[in-house]
C-alpha atoms as a PDB file:
ATOM      1  CA  MET A   1     -94.498 -79.670 113.924  1.00  0.00           C
ATOM      2  CA  LEU A   2     -97.781 -78.524 115.637  1.00  0.00           C
ATOM      3  CA  GLU A   3     -99.578 -79.882 112.600  1.00  0.00           C
ATOM      4  CA  VAL A   4     -98.336 -83.236 112.635  1.00  0.00           C
ATOM      5  CA  CYS A   5     -99.113 -83.095 116.484  1.00  0.00           C
ATOM      6  CA  ARG A   6    -102.656 -82.365 115.408  1.00  0.00           C
ATOM      7  CA  GLN A   7    -103.137 -85.009 113.120  1.00  0.00           C
ATOM      8  CA  LEU A   8    -101.454 -87.428 115.278  1.00  0.00           C
ATOM      9  CA  GLY A   9    -103.690 -86.140 118.491  1.00  0.00           C
ATOM     10  CA  VAL A  10    -101.107 -85.823 120.839  1.00  0.00           C
ATOM     11  CA  SER A  11     -99.618 -82.857 122.680  1.00  0.00           C
ATOM     12  CA  LEU A  12     -96.258 -80.966 121.421  1.00  0.00           C
ATOM     13  CA  ALA A  13     -94.690 -82.057 125.005  1.00  0.00           C
ATOM     14  CA  THR A  14     -95.594 -85.899 124.018  1.00  0.00           C
ATOM     15  CA  PHE A  15     -94.404 -85.738 120.392  1.00  0.00           C
ATOM     16  CA  ASN A  16     -91.094 -84.123 122.062  1.00  0.00           C
ATOM     17  CA  VAL A  17     -90.857 -86.976 124.492  1.00  0.00           C
ATOM     18  CA  TRP A  18     -91.409 -89.602 121.538  1.00  0.00           C
ATOM     19  CA  LYS A  19     -88.808 -87.972 119.099  1.00  0.00           C
ATOM     20  CA  ARG A  20     -86.252 -87.861 121.680  1.00  0.00           C
ATOM     21  CA  SER A  21     -86.419 -91.451 122.472  1.00  0.00           C
ATOM     22  CA  MET A  22     -86.563 -92.448 118.572  1.00  0.00           C
ATOM     23  CA  ARG A  23     -83.427 -90.603 118.245  1.00  0.00           C
ATOM     24  CA  GLN A  24     -81.748 -93.005 119.866  1.00  0.00           C
ATOM     25  CA  MET A  25     -82.523 -95.656 117.727  1.00  0.00           C
ATOM     26  CA  GLY A  26     -81.011 -96.925 114.689  1.00  0.00           C
ATOM     27  CA  ILE A  27     -82.909 -97.892 111.975  1.00  0.00           C
ATOM     28  CA  SER A  28     -83.031-101.390 112.362  1.00  0.00           C
ATOM     29  CA  GLU A  29     -83.857-100.952 116.103  1.00  0.00           C
ATOM     30  CA  LEU A  30     -86.777 -98.717 114.267  1.00  0.00           C
ATOM     31  CA  ASN A  31     -87.647-101.832 112.028  1.00  0.00           C
ATOM     32  CA  LYS A  32     -87.534-104.166 115.013  1.00  0.00           C
ATOM     33  CA  LEU A  33     -90.045-101.735 116.830  1.00  0.00           C
ATOM     34  CA  ASN A  34     -92.416-101.760 113.729  1.00  0.00           C
ATOM     35  CA  VAL A  35     -92.550-105.350 113.474  1.00  0.00           C
ATOM     36  CA  LEU A  36     -92.991-105.916 117.258  1.00  0.00           C
ATOM     37  CA  LEU A  37     -95.866-103.011 117.103  1.00  0.00           C
ATOM     38  CA  ASP A  38     -97.271-104.842 114.047  1.00  0.00           C
ATOM     39  CA  GLU A  39     -96.876-108.278 116.055  1.00  0.00           C
ATOM     40  CA  ASN A  40     -98.819-106.669 119.312  1.00  0.00           C
ATOM     41  CA  GLY A  41    -101.648-105.624 117.165  1.00  0.00           C
ATOM     42  CA  ARG A  42    -102.220-108.732 115.838  1.00  0.00           C
ATOM     43  CA  LEU A  43    -102.229-110.315 118.946  1.00  0.00           C
ATOM     44  CA  LYS A  44    -104.472-107.960 120.661  1.00  0.00           C
ATOM     45  CA  LYS A  45    -106.814-108.825 118.153  1.00  0.00           C
ATOM     46  CA  LEU A  46    -106.808-112.341 118.452  1.00  0.00           C
ATOM     47  CA  ALA A  47    -107.234-111.844 122.200  1.00  0.00           C
ATOM     48  CA  ALA A  48    -110.313-109.856 121.398  1.00  0.00           C
ATOM     49  CA  ASP A  49    -111.753-112.542 119.144  1.00  0.00           C
ATOM     50  CA  LEU A  50    -111.055-115.346 121.556  1.00  0.00           C
ATOM     51  CA  THR A  51    -112.522-113.254 124.441  1.00  0.00           C
ATOM     52  CA  LEU A  52    -115.645-112.758 122.031  1.00  0.00           C
ATOM     53  CA  ASP A  53    -115.863-116.670 121.251  1.00  0.00           C
ATOM     54  CA  LYS A  54    -115.665-117.301 124.754  1.00  0.00           C
ATOM     55  CA  HIS A  55    -118.545-115.110 125.736  1.00  0.00           C
ATOM     56  CA  ILE A  56    -120.926-116.454 123.038  1.00  0.00           C
ATOM     57  CA  LEU A  57    -120.257-120.014 124.071  1.00  0.00           C
ATOM     58  CA  GLN A  58    -120.615-119.289 127.878  1.00  0.00           C
ATOM     59  CA  GLU A  59    -124.197-117.619 126.523  1.00  0.00           C
ATOM     60  CA  VAL A  60    -124.942-120.928 124.070  1.00  0.00           C
ATOM     61  CA  LEU A  61    -124.184-123.309 127.429  1.00  0.00           C
ATOM     62  CA  ALA A  62    -126.252-120.935 130.010  1.00  0.00           C
ATOM     63  CA  LYS A  63    -129.254-121.183 127.330  1.00  0.00           C
ATOM     64  CA  LYS A  64    -128.881-125.131 127.028  1.00  0.00           C
ATOM     65  CA  VAL A  65    -128.989-125.469 131.172  1.00  0.00           C
END
């Protein structure tokens, strides 16, 4: 278990808390959680891209004025 924690970059205490919380979930709940985590990652990337686009447009507008 220590090797798994090292690979994940988390402490043993954090791993045990995560394991305890996941143990209570069923397979369908874990699948839904994975879908939500994937969607969350996609939305974060989209928000970062839009923020970058906004800053680029603001720079272009500032140079035109």
